[in-house]
Amino acid sequence: MMTLAQLGSDVSWMAIAPELVLALGAALVLLIDVQFKPKTGGSLAWTTGFVLAAAFGFALAQWLRLADIPISERFPFGRMVIVDGTGLLARFVLLVVTGLAVATGWRLFERLGRRRAEALALILLSAAGFQLMAVSVHLVMMFMGLEVGSIALYVLAGITRERADSDEAAMKYFLLGSVASAVFIYGVALTFAGTGSLNILEQNQFLTQNILLAPGVLLVGLALCIIGLTFKVSAAPFHAWAPDVYQGAPAGLVGYMAAAAKVGAFIALWRLVDLGFPTMRASWAPVVAGIAALSMVVGAVLAAVQSDVRRMLAYSGVAHAGFILTGLLSGIDGIRGVWFYLAVYTLQLVGAFGVVAAVTGASTSRSAISDFAGLGRRQPVLAVVFSTLLLGMAGLPLTSGFIAKFGVFQDAWQAGFEWLVIVAVLASVIAFFFYLRVIVTMFMEEPSGDDHASVGVVARWVLALVAIVTVVLGILPAPLLELAGDAVAR
C-alpha cells in the first residue's frame, strides 16, 4: 500500500494547464489592448473566447486520460494539487459560467471603454484562482486560489467608477472579504498546530492513526476554516455583505461574481470536511447543519420582503447556499447531488442577472421589481427566459431546480438529517412566493414607463439557451447526473 509520503511530488504543468492558460490569457488581453488600442471590443472578445476554449480543451484532455494517470502522478507540486474528476468538473462548470457571463454582460464591457481589457483580464484571473482553489489539497494553496479569485472580484465590484454605491460595494466586499480570509488562514494555522500538516489528506491520515485526547485547538481551527469558506458562499450568518454588494456592483458582472465564488468555495469546503476531517464528523456536522438551516430561513424570509430584484436574488442565494450545504452533509454519497445543484444553479444565476442587466442597465444599481412591470408585453422573450430561470430556482417540477433540490433533500434524509430537510422544504415554499411575485409583475401588471431593455443578439441567444437547458435538465437529468457521478468516482 503506497503511503502519502511516497506519492510523487514532481512538477506537472499539465495538471494546472487550464489555470496557466487563463493567467496567460489575462496577460494577452492586456497586451493586445496596450499594443493595438482597439476602438471596439471585438478583438478582445474573440481573444477571451479563445482563451476560455483553450482552457476547456486542456481540462477535457485531462478528463479523457484521467483513468490512465497512475496514483503516483495525481499529486504534483509537492502534493499540493490533486488531479481528479471532481476538480475537473469544477473547471468545466467555472469555464462555462465564465463564458456565459462574458456573453450576457458584454454591454457592460462596451460601456467600460478602455477599461474593458482590465475587466476581462480580472475575470480570467478570478476564474483561474477559483479553479486552483478547487483542485487544491494543500490549505496554503487553497488560500492562494481563494485570494487570487477574491481580489479580482473586489476590483470588479467597483470597476465602473460611475456611482458611489458601486465604490461602496467594492469597499464593503474588500473589507469583509479580507476579514473572512484572515479568519480562514488563522484556522489553517490552528489545524496545522493540531495535525502537523497542511495537506488535507495527510491531516486525515494523522487523525485516522491517532486519538486526540484534547482536540480543542483542532476544532477551533476547523471552525474558523468553515467560517471563512461559508462567507464566500454567502451563507448565514456570514451573508451581510451579499445584498449590498449585489446591488451596488455592475449588474453585468454580479452573476459571475456570485456563481464563480460559490463553485470554488463549495468544492474547497467539501474537500476540507469530507476528505480532511471525516473522523471528526460528529463535531463539524451539527455546525454545518445549523449554518444550513439558518441560511435557508434567513434567505427565504428576507428575500420575500425585498423590493429590489438584485437584493432579492442575493437573499435567494443565501437560501440556496443552505440547500447546497444540506447536500454536503450527506458525505461522499451526496456529492453527486451537490454537483448537479451547483451546475444548474450557477447557470440560472448568471442567466438571471443577465436579464436584470438587460432590463435595468448593465452598469446601474437600480433594479426595482416595478421596473419589470409589463415586461411580458415589452420584451416577451426576456420575460419568458426570466420566468423559466426563476421557476428553476424555486424548484418547480419539470425544471432542473426541482431535480437538484430533490436530490440533496433525499441524500440528507438518508444521512439522518430529517429535521433539516423539513426546514428546507418549508424554506422552498416561502421561496415560491417571491419568485412568483416577480413573474406576476412581468405578465399581469401594466408597464410603468418607457422600455429601456437592451440586449445584444449573442446575449439573447445565450439567455435563451440557459433557459432551455434549465427545462431540458429538469426532464432529462440523467446525463448531468451521470457526469457528476463519474467525476466523483474518478
Protein backbone atom coordinates (compact mmCIF):
# COMPACT_ATOMS: atom_id res chain seq x y z
CA MET A 1 0.00 0.00 0.00
CA MET A 2 1.54 3.30 -1.09
CA THR A 3 1.62 5.96 1.61
CA LEU A 4 1.18 9.67 1.06
CA ALA A 5 4.86 10.24 1.73
CA GLN A 6 5.72 8.02 -1.22
CA LEU A 7 3.47 9.78 -3.69
CA GLY A 8 5.17 11.72 -6.42
CA SER A 9 5.87 15.41 -5.95
CA ASP A 10 7.05 16.20 -9.47
CA VAL A 11 6.15 19.34 -11.32
CA SER A 12 3.36 18.72 -13.82
CA TRP A 13 2.38 21.70 -15.92
CA MET A 14 -0.41 19.68 -17.50
CA ALA A 15 -2.04 19.34 -14.09
CA ILE A 16 -2.56 23.11 -13.88
CA ALA A 17 -2.71 23.81 -17.62
CA PRO A 18 -6.23 25.35 -17.53
CA GLU A 19 -5.14 27.81 -14.84
CA LEU A 20 -1.96 28.67 -16.72
CA VAL A 21 -3.92 29.29 -19.90
CA LEU A 22 -6.31 31.63 -18.09
CA ALA A 23 -3.47 33.56 -16.43
CA LEU A 24 -1.54 33.90 -19.67
CA GLY A 25 -4.76 34.80 -21.44
CA ALA A 26 -5.34 37.64 -19.00
CA ALA A 27 -1.87 38.98 -19.81
CA LEU A 28 -2.55 38.58 -23.53
CA VAL A 29 -5.78 40.58 -23.32
CA LEU A 30 -3.94 43.43 -21.61
CA LEU A 31 -1.08 43.31 -24.14
CA ILE A 32 -3.47 43.48 -27.08
CA ASP A 33 -5.19 46.48 -25.54
CA VAL A 34 -1.91 48.30 -24.85
CA GLN A 35 -0.26 47.46 -28.15
CA PHE A 36 -3.12 47.86 -30.64
CA LYS A 37 -5.55 50.09 -28.71
CA PRO A 38 -8.66 48.61 -30.38
CA LYS A 39 -11.53 51.07 -30.67
CA THR A 40 -14.10 48.29 -30.29
CA GLY A 41 -14.02 45.22 -28.12
CA GLY A 42 -14.30 42.69 -30.93
CA SER A 43 -10.69 41.54 -30.81
CA LEU A 44 -10.75 41.33 -27.03
CA ALA A 45 -13.98 39.32 -27.12
CA TRP A 46 -12.51 36.84 -29.59
CA THR A 47 -9.31 36.59 -27.56
CA THR A 48 -11.25 35.92 -24.36
CA GLY A 49 -13.35 33.29 -26.10
CA PHE A 50 -10.25 31.60 -27.49
CA VAL A 51 -8.59 31.56 -24.05
CA LEU A 52 -11.66 30.01 -22.42
CA ALA A 53 -11.92 27.42 -25.20
CA ALA A 54 -8.23 26.55 -24.86
CA ALA A 55 -8.56 26.15 -21.08
CA PHE A 56 -11.62 23.96 -21.59
CA GLY A 57 -9.70 21.89 -24.12
CA PHE A 58 -6.86 21.24 -21.66
CA ALA A 59 -9.35 20.26 -18.97
CA LEU A 60 -11.12 17.94 -21.39
CA ALA A 61 -7.80 16.34 -22.39
CA GLN A 62 -7.10 15.61 -18.72
CA TRP A 63 -10.58 14.14 -18.32
CA LEU A 64 -10.13 11.79 -21.26
CA ARG A 65 -6.81 10.43 -19.96
CA LEU A 66 -7.71 10.50 -16.26
CA ALA A 67 -8.15 6.75 -15.97
CA ASP A 68 -4.61 6.21 -17.30
CA ILE A 69 -2.91 8.55 -14.81
CA PRO A 70 -1.31 6.46 -12.03
CA ILE A 71 -1.92 7.41 -8.42
CA SER A 72 1.73 8.44 -8.04
CA GLU A 73 1.24 11.20 -10.63
CA ARG A 74 -2.04 12.59 -9.31
CA PHE A 75 -0.42 14.74 -6.61
CA PRO A 76 2.06 17.07 -8.34
CA PHE A 77 3.77 20.14 -6.91
CA GLY A 78 4.71 18.60 -3.61
CA ARG A 79 1.27 17.05 -3.13
CA MET A 80 -0.39 20.48 -3.17
CA VAL A 81 -2.63 19.80 -6.17
CA ILE A 82 -4.81 16.81 -6.96
CA VAL A 83 -5.76 15.58 -10.42
CA ASP A 84 -9.20 14.02 -10.05
CA GLY A 85 -12.64 14.06 -11.60
CA THR A 86 -14.11 16.42 -9.03
CA GLY A 87 -11.52 19.10 -9.75
CA LEU A 88 -12.01 18.72 -13.49
CA LEU A 89 -15.78 19.02 -13.16
CA ALA A 90 -15.26 22.22 -11.16
CA ARG A 91 -13.15 23.55 -14.03
CA PHE A 92 -15.82 22.69 -16.58
CA VAL A 93 -18.51 24.48 -14.58
CA LEU A 94 -16.35 27.55 -13.94
CA LEU A 95 -15.28 27.87 -17.56
CA VAL A 96 -18.85 27.55 -18.83
CA VAL A 97 -20.07 30.09 -16.27
CA THR A 98 -17.28 32.49 -17.24
CA GLY A 99 -18.10 32.23 -20.92
CA LEU A 100 -21.82 32.78 -20.31
CA ALA A 101 -21.10 35.76 -18.04
CA VAL A 102 -18.91 37.46 -20.64
CA ALA A 103 -21.53 36.89 -23.34
CA THR A 104 -24.52 38.09 -21.32
CA GLY A 105 -22.69 41.07 -19.83
CA TRP A 106 -20.98 42.31 -22.97
CA ARG A 107 -22.96 45.55 -22.97
CA LEU A 108 -21.15 46.45 -19.75
CA PHE A 109 -17.76 45.81 -21.31
CA GLU A 110 -18.70 48.10 -24.18
CA ARG A 111 -19.57 50.85 -21.70
CA LEU A 112 -16.24 50.43 -19.91
CA GLY A 113 -14.32 51.59 -22.99
CA ARG A 114 -10.56 51.22 -22.47
CA ARG A 115 -11.20 49.56 -19.12
CA ARG A 116 -12.86 46.59 -20.78
CA ALA A 117 -9.49 44.88 -21.11
CA GLU A 118 -8.90 45.25 -17.38
CA ALA A 119 -12.32 43.78 -16.62
CA LEU A 120 -11.81 40.80 -18.93
CA ALA A 121 -8.35 40.16 -17.50
CA LEU A 122 -9.74 40.24 -13.96
CA ILE A 123 -12.48 37.80 -14.90
CA LEU A 124 -9.93 35.36 -16.35
CA LEU A 125 -7.70 35.71 -13.29
CA SER A 126 -10.56 35.17 -10.88
CA ALA A 127 -11.62 32.04 -12.78
CA ALA A 128 -8.03 30.77 -12.57
CA GLY A 129 -7.98 31.46 -8.82
CA PHE A 130 -11.20 29.63 -8.07
CA GLN A 131 -10.14 26.73 -10.28
CA LEU A 132 -6.87 26.50 -8.37
CA MET A 133 -8.87 26.54 -5.16
CA ALA A 134 -10.99 23.63 -6.42
CA VAL A 135 -8.02 21.37 -7.23
CA SER A 136 -6.04 22.11 -4.06
CA VAL A 137 -5.50 19.57 -1.28
CA HIS A 138 -3.00 21.81 0.50
CA LEU A 139 -4.52 24.55 2.65
CA VAL A 140 -1.94 27.19 1.70
CA MET A 141 -2.50 26.53 -2.00
CA MET A 142 -6.25 26.66 -1.37
CA PHE A 143 -5.79 30.02 0.33
CA MET A 144 -3.78 31.32 -2.60
CA GLY A 145 -6.52 30.34 -5.01
CA LEU A 146 -9.10 31.93 -2.73
CA GLU A 147 -7.22 35.22 -2.63
CA VAL A 148 -6.48 35.37 -6.37
CA GLY A 149 -10.15 34.83 -7.14
CA SER A 150 -11.46 37.12 -4.40
CA ILE A 151 -9.17 40.10 -5.01
CA ALA A 152 -10.17 40.15 -8.67
CA LEU A 153 -13.84 40.20 -7.63
CA TYR A 154 -13.23 43.09 -5.21
CA VAL A 155 -11.91 45.19 -8.08
CA LEU A 156 -14.67 44.12 -10.48
CA ALA A 157 -17.32 45.22 -7.97
CA GLY A 158 -16.23 48.85 -8.34
CA ILE A 159 -14.73 48.90 -11.82
CA THR A 160 -17.28 51.25 -13.41
CA ARG A 161 -16.22 54.26 -11.29
CA GLU A 162 -19.58 55.82 -12.13
CA ARG A 163 -21.51 55.63 -8.86
CA ALA A 164 -20.85 55.96 -5.16
CA ASP A 165 -22.80 52.80 -4.36
CA SER A 166 -20.52 50.81 -6.67
CA ASP A 167 -17.45 52.08 -4.81
CA GLU A 168 -19.22 51.33 -1.54
CA ALA A 169 -19.97 47.78 -2.69
CA ALA A 170 -16.34 47.21 -3.63
CA MET A 171 -15.11 48.59 -0.30
CA LYS A 172 -17.55 46.51 1.74
CA TYR A 173 -16.67 43.39 -0.23
CA PHE A 174 -12.96 44.07 0.22
CA LEU A 175 -13.07 44.80 3.95
CA LEU A 176 -15.39 41.97 4.94
CA GLY A 177 -13.71 39.59 2.50
CA SER A 178 -10.33 40.40 3.98
CA VAL A 179 -11.62 39.64 7.47
CA ALA A 180 -13.02 36.32 6.24
CA SER A 181 -9.68 35.47 4.60
CA ALA A 182 -7.87 36.30 7.83
CA VAL A 183 -10.26 34.05 9.75
CA PHE A 184 -9.65 31.24 7.26
CA ILE A 185 -5.86 31.48 7.37
CA TYR A 186 -5.91 31.62 11.17
CA GLY A 187 -7.96 28.42 11.08
CA VAL A 188 -5.38 26.91 8.75
CA ALA A 189 -2.65 27.73 11.27
CA LEU A 190 -4.58 26.05 14.08
CA THR A 191 -5.29 22.92 12.03
CA PHE A 192 -1.55 22.74 11.31
CA ALA A 193 -0.87 23.04 15.04
CA GLY A 194 -3.29 20.19 15.70
CA THR A 195 -2.15 17.78 12.99
CA GLY A 196 1.36 18.84 11.98
CA SER A 197 0.42 19.11 8.32
CA LEU A 198 -1.22 21.50 5.88
CA ASN A 199 -2.16 18.75 3.43
CA ILE A 200 -5.81 17.74 3.74
CA LEU A 201 -5.14 14.06 3.02
CA GLU A 202 -2.23 13.94 5.46
CA GLN A 203 -4.44 15.51 8.12
CA ASN A 204 -6.97 12.75 7.52
CA GLN A 205 -4.21 10.15 7.80
CA PHE A 206 -2.98 11.66 11.06
CA LEU A 207 -6.45 11.64 12.62
CA THR A 208 -7.04 8.07 11.47
CA GLN A 209 -3.83 6.83 13.08
CA ASN A 210 -4.01 8.90 16.29
CA ILE A 211 -6.56 9.57 19.00
CA LEU A 212 -6.61 13.17 20.22
CA LEU A 213 -7.46 13.42 23.91
CA ALA A 214 -7.67 17.24 23.77
CA PRO A 215 -8.68 18.28 20.24
CA GLY A 216 -9.75 21.79 21.23
CA VAL A 217 -7.18 23.62 19.08
CA LEU A 218 -8.03 21.49 16.06
CA LEU A 219 -11.77 22.01 16.50
CA VAL A 220 -11.36 25.78 16.75
CA GLY A 221 -9.15 25.76 13.64
CA LEU A 222 -11.66 23.70 11.68
CA ALA A 223 -14.48 26.01 12.78
CA LEU A 224 -12.57 29.08 11.59
CA CYS A 225 -11.85 27.45 8.23
CA ILE A 226 -15.54 26.64 7.81
CA ILE A 227 -16.49 30.23 8.70
CA GLY A 228 -14.04 31.62 6.14
CA LEU A 229 -15.41 29.44 3.35
CA THR A 230 -19.09 29.89 4.21
CA PHE A 231 -18.54 33.64 4.00
CA LYS A 232 -17.54 33.20 0.36
CA VAL A 233 -20.75 31.32 -0.43
CA SER A 234 -22.83 33.96 1.43
CA ALA A 235 -24.25 31.54 3.97
CA ALA A 236 -25.95 32.99 7.06
CA PRO A 237 -24.92 34.45 9.45
CA PHE A 238 -21.94 35.46 7.27
CA HIS A 239 -24.07 36.88 4.46
CA ALA A 240 -24.43 40.56 5.41
CA TRP A 241 -22.16 41.72 2.59
CA ALA A 242 -24.06 39.99 -0.21
CA PRO A 243 -27.18 42.21 -0.65
CA ASP A 244 -25.20 45.46 -0.68
CA VAL A 245 -22.52 44.09 -3.00
CA TYR A 246 -25.01 42.51 -5.39
CA GLN A 247 -26.98 45.76 -5.54
CA GLY A 248 -24.01 48.10 -5.89
CA ALA A 249 -21.81 46.12 -8.27
CA PRO A 250 -22.45 46.36 -12.05
CA ALA A 251 -25.39 44.15 -12.98
CA GLY A 252 -23.44 42.74 -15.91
CA LEU A 253 -20.87 41.23 -13.54
CA VAL A 254 -22.86 40.27 -10.45
CA GLY A 255 -23.98 36.89 -11.81
CA TYR A 256 -20.41 35.85 -12.47
CA MET A 257 -19.20 37.18 -9.12
CA ALA A 258 -21.79 35.14 -7.25
CA ALA A 259 -21.51 31.95 -9.28
CA ALA A 260 -17.72 31.64 -9.51
CA ALA A 261 -17.16 32.20 -5.79
CA LYS A 262 -19.78 29.60 -4.90
CA VAL A 263 -18.23 26.89 -7.07
CA GLY A 264 -14.71 27.39 -5.75
CA ALA A 265 -15.71 27.72 -2.09
CA PHE A 266 -18.15 24.80 -2.01
CA ILE A 267 -15.71 22.33 -3.53
CA ALA A 268 -13.00 23.56 -1.14
CA LEU A 269 -15.36 23.15 1.81
CA TRP A 270 -16.22 19.63 0.70
CA ARG A 271 -12.57 18.68 0.38
CA LEU A 272 -11.85 20.15 3.80
CA VAL A 273 -14.59 18.48 5.84
CA ASP A 274 -15.17 15.22 3.95
CA LEU A 275 -11.63 14.44 2.82
CA GLY A 276 -9.65 16.05 5.63
CA PHE A 277 -11.79 15.58 8.73
CA PRO A 278 -14.25 12.71 8.19
CA THR A 279 -13.26 11.21 11.55
CA MET A 280 -14.47 14.41 13.27
CA ARG A 281 -17.81 14.37 11.54
CA ALA A 282 -19.72 14.25 14.82
CA SER A 283 -18.15 17.61 15.72
CA TRP A 284 -18.49 19.59 12.47
CA ALA A 285 -21.72 18.17 11.02
CA PRO A 286 -24.05 19.83 13.60
CA VAL A 287 -22.31 23.17 12.99
CA VAL A 288 -22.71 22.91 9.21
CA ALA A 289 -26.31 21.77 9.66
CA GLY A 290 -27.01 24.81 11.83
CA ILE A 291 -25.49 27.15 9.25
CA ALA A 292 -27.54 25.46 6.53
CA ALA A 293 -30.81 25.79 8.46
CA LEU A 294 -30.15 29.43 9.37
CA SER A 295 -29.21 30.23 5.76
CA MET A 296 -32.41 28.73 4.37
CA VAL A 297 -34.67 30.50 6.86
CA VAL A 298 -32.93 33.89 6.77
CA GLY A 299 -32.51 33.84 2.99
CA ALA A 300 -36.11 32.87 2.24
CA VAL A 301 -37.74 35.23 4.75
CA LEU A 302 -35.64 38.29 3.90
CA ALA A 303 -35.93 37.69 0.15
CA ALA A 304 -39.71 37.78 0.49
CA VAL A 305 -39.70 41.38 1.78
CA GLN A 306 -37.33 42.90 -0.78
CA SER A 307 -38.45 45.46 -3.35
CA ASP A 308 -35.22 45.27 -5.37
CA VAL A 309 -34.65 42.28 -7.66
CA ARG A 310 -30.91 42.15 -7.07
CA ARG A 311 -31.30 42.18 -3.30
CA MET A 312 -33.96 39.51 -3.67
CA LEU A 313 -31.59 37.35 -5.70
CA ALA A 314 -28.85 37.97 -3.12
CA TYR A 315 -31.01 36.70 -0.25
CA SER A 316 -32.19 33.91 -2.52
CA GLY A 317 -28.51 32.98 -2.90
CA VAL A 318 -28.24 32.80 0.89
CA ALA A 319 -31.09 30.28 0.91
CA HIS A 320 -29.54 28.29 -1.93
CA ALA A 321 -26.26 28.17 -0.02
CA GLY A 322 -28.20 26.47 2.76
CA PHE A 323 -29.71 23.98 0.32
CA ILE A 324 -26.27 23.07 -1.02
CA LEU A 325 -24.83 22.74 2.49
CA THR A 326 -27.68 20.32 3.20
CA GLY A 327 -26.33 18.13 0.42
CA LEU A 328 -22.76 18.41 1.69
CA LEU A 329 -23.84 16.85 4.99
CA SER A 330 -24.53 13.61 3.13
CA GLY A 331 -20.80 12.96 2.77
CA ILE A 332 -19.26 11.30 -0.25
CA ASP A 333 -22.63 9.77 -1.18
CA GLY A 334 -24.21 13.20 -1.60
CA ILE A 335 -21.54 14.98 -3.59
CA ARG A 336 -23.11 13.92 -6.89
CA GLY A 337 -26.31 15.76 -5.96
CA VAL A 338 -24.32 18.75 -4.78
CA TRP A 339 -22.52 18.98 -8.10
CA PHE A 340 -25.79 18.78 -10.02
CA TYR A 341 -27.18 21.55 -7.84
CA LEU A 342 -24.09 23.73 -8.25
CA ALA A 343 -24.03 23.30 -12.02
CA VAL A 344 -27.68 24.16 -12.65
CA TYR A 345 -27.90 26.92 -10.04
CA THR A 346 -24.83 28.78 -11.28
CA LEU A 347 -26.21 28.69 -14.82
CA GLN A 348 -29.54 30.04 -13.59
CA LEU A 349 -27.78 32.72 -11.55
CA VAL A 350 -25.73 34.02 -14.46
CA GLY A 351 -28.79 33.96 -16.71
CA ALA A 352 -30.99 35.75 -14.17
CA PHE A 353 -28.52 38.57 -13.66
CA GLY A 354 -28.08 38.74 -17.42
CA VAL A 355 -31.78 39.50 -17.74
CA VAL A 356 -31.59 42.05 -14.91
CA ALA A 357 -28.71 43.78 -16.69
CA ALA A 358 -30.69 43.85 -19.93
CA VAL A 359 -33.80 45.32 -18.31
CA THR A 360 -32.30 47.86 -15.90
CA GLY A 361 -28.91 48.57 -17.49
CA ALA A 362 -25.60 46.77 -17.32
CA SER A 363 -23.89 49.32 -15.08
CA THR A 364 -26.75 50.73 -13.00
CA SER A 365 -27.66 49.84 -9.43
CA ARG A 366 -31.43 50.35 -9.71
CA SER A 367 -33.37 47.13 -10.27
CA ALA A 368 -36.72 47.64 -8.54
CA ILE A 369 -39.37 45.00 -9.08
CA SER A 370 -41.57 47.74 -10.56
CA ASP A 371 -39.03 48.12 -13.40
CA PHE A 372 -40.12 44.66 -14.60
CA ALA A 373 -43.81 45.59 -14.80
CA GLY A 374 -45.25 44.67 -18.18
CA LEU A 375 -42.02 43.06 -19.39
CA GLY A 376 -44.09 40.23 -20.85
CA ARG A 377 -45.56 42.73 -23.32
CA ARG A 378 -42.46 44.85 -23.89
CA GLN A 379 -39.88 42.07 -24.17
CA PRO A 380 -41.69 38.71 -24.22
CA VAL A 381 -38.52 36.67 -24.84
CA LEU A 382 -36.73 38.18 -21.84
CA ALA A 383 -39.82 37.72 -19.70
CA VAL A 384 -40.16 34.04 -20.61
CA VAL A 385 -36.45 33.44 -20.03
CA PHE A 386 -36.51 35.19 -16.66
CA SER A 387 -39.65 33.33 -15.61
CA THR A 388 -38.11 29.99 -16.55
CA LEU A 389 -34.95 30.74 -14.57
CA LEU A 390 -36.90 31.95 -11.52
CA LEU A 391 -39.11 28.86 -11.57
CA GLY A 392 -35.97 26.75 -11.83
CA MET A 393 -34.53 28.47 -8.76
CA ALA A 394 -37.83 27.89 -6.98
CA GLY A 395 -37.60 24.17 -7.71
CA LEU A 396 -40.73 23.81 -9.81
CA PRO A 397 -41.21 20.31 -11.28
CA LEU A 398 -40.02 19.89 -14.87
CA THR A 399 -37.11 22.24 -14.20
CA SER A 400 -33.56 21.36 -13.24
CA GLY A 401 -34.05 23.13 -9.91
CA PHE A 402 -36.60 20.52 -8.83
CA ILE A 403 -34.22 17.66 -9.60
CA ALA A 404 -31.40 19.47 -7.77
CA LYS A 405 -33.44 20.09 -4.62
CA PHE A 406 -34.98 16.64 -4.61
CA GLY A 407 -31.52 15.10 -4.89
CA VAL A 408 -29.91 16.95 -1.98
CA PHE A 409 -33.02 16.58 0.19
CA GLN A 410 -33.14 12.84 -0.44
CA ASP A 411 -29.44 12.41 0.36
CA ALA A 412 -29.74 14.46 3.54
CA TRP A 413 -32.79 12.48 4.68
CA GLN A 414 -30.95 9.20 4.18
CA ALA A 415 -27.96 10.61 6.09
CA GLY A 416 -30.15 11.21 9.15
CA PHE A 417 -30.88 14.94 8.81
CA GLU A 418 -34.66 14.65 8.57
CA TRP A 419 -35.25 17.85 10.56
CA LEU A 420 -33.04 19.82 8.20
CA VAL A 421 -34.93 18.52 5.16
CA ILE A 422 -38.20 19.67 6.75
CA VAL A 423 -36.73 23.15 7.24
CA ALA A 424 -35.52 23.11 3.63
CA VAL A 425 -38.97 22.21 2.30
CA LEU A 426 -40.61 24.99 4.31
CA ALA A 427 -38.00 27.48 3.05
CA SER A 428 -38.68 26.32 -0.51
CA VAL A 429 -42.38 27.02 -0.03
CA ILE A 430 -41.59 30.57 1.11
CA ALA A 431 -39.27 30.96 -1.88
CA PHE A 432 -42.13 30.29 -4.29
CA PHE A 433 -43.79 33.49 -3.10
CA PHE A 434 -41.06 35.95 -4.00
CA TYR A 435 -40.19 34.25 -7.28
CA LEU A 436 -43.84 34.21 -8.35
CA ARG A 437 -44.23 37.87 -7.31
CA VAL A 438 -41.69 38.90 -9.95
CA ILE A 439 -43.36 36.71 -12.58
CA VAL A 440 -46.77 38.18 -11.79
CA THR A 441 -45.31 41.68 -12.08
CA MET A 442 -43.89 40.90 -15.52
CA PHE A 443 -47.05 39.42 -17.02
CA MET A 444 -50.01 40.87 -15.11
CA GLU A 445 -49.08 44.50 -14.42
CA GLU A 446 -49.06 47.45 -16.76
CA PRO A 447 -45.70 48.87 -17.89
CA SER A 448 -44.58 51.63 -15.54
CA GLY A 449 -42.68 53.66 -18.15
CA ASP A 450 -40.64 53.54 -21.33
CA ASP A 451 -38.97 50.32 -22.36
CA HIS A 452 -35.25 50.63 -21.70
CA ALA A 453 -34.48 46.92 -22.06
CA SER A 454 -31.49 46.35 -24.28
CA VAL A 455 -29.82 43.05 -25.05
CA GLY A 456 -27.48 42.07 -27.85
CA VAL A 457 -28.13 39.27 -30.30
CA VAL A 458 -25.48 36.99 -28.79
CA ALA A 459 -26.68 37.65 -25.25
CA ARG A 460 -30.27 36.98 -26.28
CA TRP A 461 -29.35 33.60 -27.72
CA VAL A 462 -27.22 32.73 -24.70
CA LEU A 463 -30.01 33.61 -22.29
CA ALA A 464 -32.48 31.56 -24.31
CA LEU A 465 -30.04 28.64 -24.27
CA VAL A 466 -29.70 28.82 -20.48
CA ALA A 467 -33.50 28.76 -20.11
CA ILE A 468 -33.75 25.78 -22.46
CA VAL A 469 -31.06 23.91 -20.53
CA THR A 470 -32.96 24.61 -17.31
CA VAL A 471 -36.01 22.84 -18.72
CA VAL A 472 -34.17 20.05 -20.53
CA LEU A 473 -32.18 19.07 -17.42
CA GLY A 474 -35.43 19.01 -15.48
CA ILE A 475 -36.90 16.49 -17.92
CA LEU A 476 -33.70 14.58 -18.77
CA PRO A 477 -31.31 15.00 -15.82
CA ALA A 478 -29.53 11.67 -16.34
CA PRO A 479 -26.60 12.94 -18.48
CA LEU A 480 -25.51 15.57 -15.95
CA LEU A 481 -26.12 13.24 -13.00
CA GLU A 482 -24.02 10.56 -14.67
CA LEU A 483 -21.27 13.07 -15.41
CA ALA A 484 -21.25 14.20 -11.78
CA GLY A 485 -21.24 10.62 -10.53
CA ASP A 486 -18.42 9.71 -12.89
CA ALA A 487 -16.42 12.72 -11.74
CA VAL A 488 -16.74 11.76 -8.07
CA ALA A 489 -15.79 8.16 -8.80
CA ARG A 490 -12.64 9.24 -10.64
